């Protein structure tokens, strides 16, 4: 029962659509109405407001970090922490408030892994930054970071429940970037700073 209630709470927190909330509060277009149609920081940035994109990014990361941090503070079992981590992430990808049509989950996943272990979080963020700095492909950085996260989690924490949750998040993240992968292979993916919208 504890695991179920914790998972529901984490999912609901993860479902908070910061992209939509921030855009409405700042008088910007609904981020689902252009670009990739995803309610995420990248699409908010396409509205032209860097401040709104930063606020969205922070909110999406926070809603991944907070439930896991609370689970640790409450001393919940590793299995429950893993369920909470995955539930918060899935809340963003399949938010109940947006009819289960959410974002790709990159920022929320980053918040989750930072709460799981700061070393894992920093390693994943460093990988994302390195790839993006070298290629200016945000999607490629996200895919690389996602694939690295289970490896780094296993290295620091071993093959426990949290590792399994990280593997599940990795699989969903790569799946959500399927269209980006196809564009990367065709050389059609947009780089950061380009005006052409990418899905």
Protein backbone atom coordinates (compact mmCIF):
# COMPACT_ATOMS: atom_id res chain seq x y z
CA UNK A 1 0.00 0.00 0.00
CA UNK A 2 2.87 2.38 0.82
CA UNK A 3 4.47 1.69 -2.56
CA UNK A 4 1.16 2.25 -4.36
CA UNK A 5 0.42 5.55 -2.61
CA UNK A 6 3.98 6.77 -3.13
CA UNK A 7 3.83 5.86 -6.81
CA UNK A 8 0.50 7.67 -7.31
CA UNK A 9 1.79 10.78 -5.54
CA UNK A 10 5.00 10.76 -7.60
CA UNK A 11 3.07 10.28 -10.82
CA UNK A 12 0.76 13.21 -10.06
CA UNK A 13 3.71 15.46 -9.25
CA UNK A 14 5.44 14.34 -12.44
CA UNK A 15 2.29 15.14 -14.40
CA UNK A 16 2.39 18.85 -13.55
CA UNK A 17 2.68 20.54 -16.99
CA UNK A 18 5.15 23.30 -16.24
CA UNK A 19 5.56 24.13 -19.93
CA UNK A 20 1.86 24.95 -20.23
CA UNK A 21 1.64 26.66 -16.84
CA UNK A 22 4.68 28.88 -17.41
CA UNK A 23 3.60 29.76 -20.95
CA UNK A 24 0.13 30.79 -19.83
CA UNK A 25 1.48 32.77 -16.88
CA UNK A 26 3.86 34.68 -19.17
CA UNK A 27 1.31 35.23 -21.93
CA UNK A 28 3.04 32.95 -24.43
CA UNK A 29 1.48 30.58 -26.97
CA UNK A 30 0.64 27.06 -25.85
CA UNK A 31 3.88 25.10 -26.48
CA UNK A 32 1.81 22.23 -27.85
CA UNK A 33 0.65 24.40 -30.74
CA UNK A 34 3.95 24.56 -32.62
CA UNK A 35 7.30 22.85 -33.12
CA UNK A 36 7.25 19.24 -31.98
CA UNK A 37 3.99 19.77 -30.09
CA UNK A 38 5.61 18.51 -26.89
CA UNK A 39 4.99 20.34 -23.60
CA UNK A 40 8.67 20.72 -22.75
CA UNK A 41 11.38 23.35 -22.31
CA UNK A 42 12.69 22.99 -25.88
CA UNK A 43 9.32 23.88 -27.34
CA UNK A 44 8.87 26.75 -24.89
CA UNK A 45 12.22 28.10 -26.09
CA UNK A 46 10.79 28.16 -29.61
CA UNK A 47 8.31 30.78 -28.39
CA UNK A 48 11.26 33.15 -28.13
CA UNK A 49 11.35 33.44 -24.34
CA UNK A 50 14.55 32.10 -22.79
CA UNK A 51 13.26 32.96 -19.31
CA UNK A 52 10.15 30.84 -19.81
CA UNK A 53 12.26 27.97 -21.13
CA UNK A 54 14.57 28.13 -18.10
CA UNK A 55 11.61 28.17 -15.71
CA UNK A 56 10.07 25.21 -17.52
CA UNK A 57 13.35 23.31 -17.43
CA UNK A 58 13.74 23.97 -13.71
CA UNK A 59 10.15 22.94 -12.98
CA UNK A 60 10.41 19.74 -15.02
CA UNK A 61 13.67 18.80 -13.30
CA UNK A 62 12.28 19.65 -9.86
CA UNK A 63 9.23 17.43 -10.28
CA UNK A 64 11.55 14.51 -10.99
CA UNK A 65 13.92 15.32 -8.14
CA UNK A 66 11.41 16.09 -5.38
CA UNK A 67 9.48 12.78 -5.15
CA UNK A 68 12.69 10.75 -5.10
CA UNK A 69 14.26 13.03 -2.49
CA UNK A 70 11.16 12.73 -0.31
CA UNK A 71 11.19 8.94 -0.70
CA UNK A 72 14.78 8.83 0.51
CA UNK A 73 14.03 11.21 3.39
CA UNK A 74 11.16 9.00 4.49
CA UNK A 75 13.48 6.01 4.54
CA UNK A 76 11.44 4.03 2.05
CA UNK A 77 12.81 0.73 0.77
CA UNK A 78 14.99 0.78 -2.37
CA UNK A 79 12.22 -0.99 -4.29
CA UNK A 80 9.77 1.78 -3.39
CA UNK A 81 12.29 4.50 -4.26
CA UNK A 82 12.73 2.87 -7.67
CA UNK A 83 8.96 2.82 -8.22
CA UNK A 84 8.70 6.47 -7.17
CA UNK A 85 11.51 7.44 -9.55
CA UNK A 86 9.89 5.71 -12.50
CA UNK A 87 6.41 7.01 -11.63
CA UNK A 88 7.58 10.63 -11.50
CA UNK A 89 9.27 10.26 -14.89
CA UNK A 90 6.24 8.57 -16.47
CA UNK A 91 4.06 11.34 -15.07
CA UNK A 92 5.82 13.79 -17.35
CA UNK A 93 5.76 11.51 -20.38
CA UNK A 94 2.12 10.48 -19.88
CA UNK A 95 0.52 13.29 -17.80
CA UNK A 96 -3.02 12.75 -16.67
CA UNK A 97 -3.66 16.51 -16.84
CA UNK A 98 -2.83 16.61 -20.58
CA UNK A 99 -4.68 13.46 -21.62
CA UNK A 100 -1.46 11.43 -21.34
CA UNK A 101 0.27 13.43 -24.09
CA UNK A 102 3.45 14.70 -22.47
CA UNK A 103 7.04 15.55 -23.25
CA UNK A 104 10.04 13.35 -23.84
CA UNK A 105 11.10 13.41 -20.21
CA UNK A 106 14.73 14.52 -20.46
CA UNK A 107 14.65 17.23 -17.77
CA UNK A 108 12.47 15.14 -15.47
CA UNK A 109 14.79 12.16 -15.86
CA UNK A 110 17.74 14.42 -15.04
CA UNK A 111 16.01 15.49 -11.84
CA UNK A 112 15.32 11.86 -10.96
CA UNK A 113 18.93 10.71 -11.39
CA UNK A 114 20.24 13.72 -9.47
CA UNK A 115 18.04 12.73 -6.55
CA UNK A 116 19.06 9.08 -6.84
CA UNK A 117 22.77 9.92 -6.59
CA UNK A 118 24.46 13.23 -7.31
CA UNK A 119 27.39 11.43 -8.94
CA UNK A 120 25.07 9.73 -11.41
CA UNK A 121 23.29 13.00 -12.10
CA UNK A 122 26.50 14.93 -12.72
CA UNK A 123 27.91 12.22 -14.99
CA UNK A 124 24.74 12.16 -17.09
CA UNK A 125 24.56 15.95 -17.29
CA UNK A 126 28.24 16.12 -18.23
CA UNK A 127 27.64 13.65 -21.06
CA UNK A 128 24.69 15.69 -22.34
CA UNK A 129 26.67 18.93 -22.22
CA UNK A 130 29.71 17.41 -23.94
CA UNK A 131 27.69 16.02 -26.84
CA UNK A 132 25.62 19.17 -27.25
CA UNK A 133 28.72 21.39 -27.13
CA UNK A 134 30.41 19.25 -29.77
CA UNK A 135 27.46 18.76 -32.12
CA UNK A 136 24.75 21.31 -31.15
CA UNK A 137 22.24 18.46 -31.36
CA UNK A 138 20.14 18.54 -28.18
CA UNK A 139 18.44 15.27 -29.13
CA UNK A 140 21.76 13.47 -29.62
CA UNK A 141 22.92 14.71 -26.24
CA UNK A 142 19.71 13.46 -24.65
CA UNK A 143 19.97 10.04 -26.28
CA UNK A 144 23.62 9.68 -25.28
CA UNK A 145 22.88 10.70 -21.70
CA UNK A 146 19.95 8.28 -21.56
CA UNK A 147 22.08 5.36 -22.77
CA UNK A 148 24.84 6.24 -20.32
CA UNK A 149 22.58 6.53 -17.27
CA UNK A 150 22.13 2.78 -16.60
CA UNK A 151 25.88 2.22 -16.94
CA UNK A 152 26.72 4.99 -14.49
CA UNK A 153 23.97 3.89 -12.09
CA UNK A 154 25.30 0.33 -12.13
CA UNK A 155 28.87 1.57 -11.56
CA UNK A 156 27.99 3.64 -8.48
CA UNK A 157 24.98 1.79 -7.04
CA UNK A 158 25.09 -1.74 -8.43
CA UNK A 159 22.38 -3.76 -10.15
CA UNK A 160 19.51 -3.13 -7.74
CA UNK A 161 15.95 -1.81 -8.09
CA UNK A 162 17.09 1.72 -8.89
CA UNK A 163 19.25 0.37 -11.71
CA UNK A 164 16.21 -1.38 -13.18
CA UNK A 165 14.19 1.85 -12.96
CA UNK A 166 17.02 3.70 -14.72
CA UNK A 167 17.04 1.10 -17.50
CA UNK A 168 13.29 1.55 -17.93
CA UNK A 169 13.66 5.34 -18.16
CA UNK A 170 16.46 4.90 -20.68
CA UNK A 171 14.26 2.69 -22.88
CA UNK A 172 11.36 5.16 -22.79
CA UNK A 173 13.63 8.13 -23.51
CA UNK A 174 15.17 6.45 -26.55
CA UNK A 175 11.71 5.41 -27.77
CA UNK A 176 10.42 8.98 -27.36
CA UNK A 177 13.33 10.18 -29.51
CA UNK A 178 12.57 7.77 -32.36
CA UNK A 179 11.68 10.59 -34.75
CA UNK A 180 14.84 12.48 -33.81
CA UNK A 181 16.96 9.39 -34.43
CA UNK A 182 15.49 9.04 -37.90
CA UNK A 183 16.22 12.70 -38.63
CA UNK A 184 19.76 12.39 -37.31
CA UNK A 185 20.38 9.44 -39.60
CA UNK A 186 19.01 11.43 -42.56
CA UNK A 187 20.95 14.55 -41.63
CA UNK A 188 17.73 16.51 -41.16
CA UNK A 189 17.77 17.11 -37.41
CA UNK A 190 17.84 20.75 -36.30
CA UNK A 191 20.79 22.01 -34.30
CA UNK A 192 20.48 24.34 -31.34
CA UNK A 193 20.19 27.88 -32.66
CA UNK A 194 18.58 26.90 -35.95
CA UNK A 195 15.09 28.15 -36.62
CA UNK A 196 13.88 24.94 -38.26
CA UNK A 197 11.65 23.06 -35.77
CA UNK A 198 12.51 19.48 -34.88
CA UNK A 199 10.27 16.87 -33.42
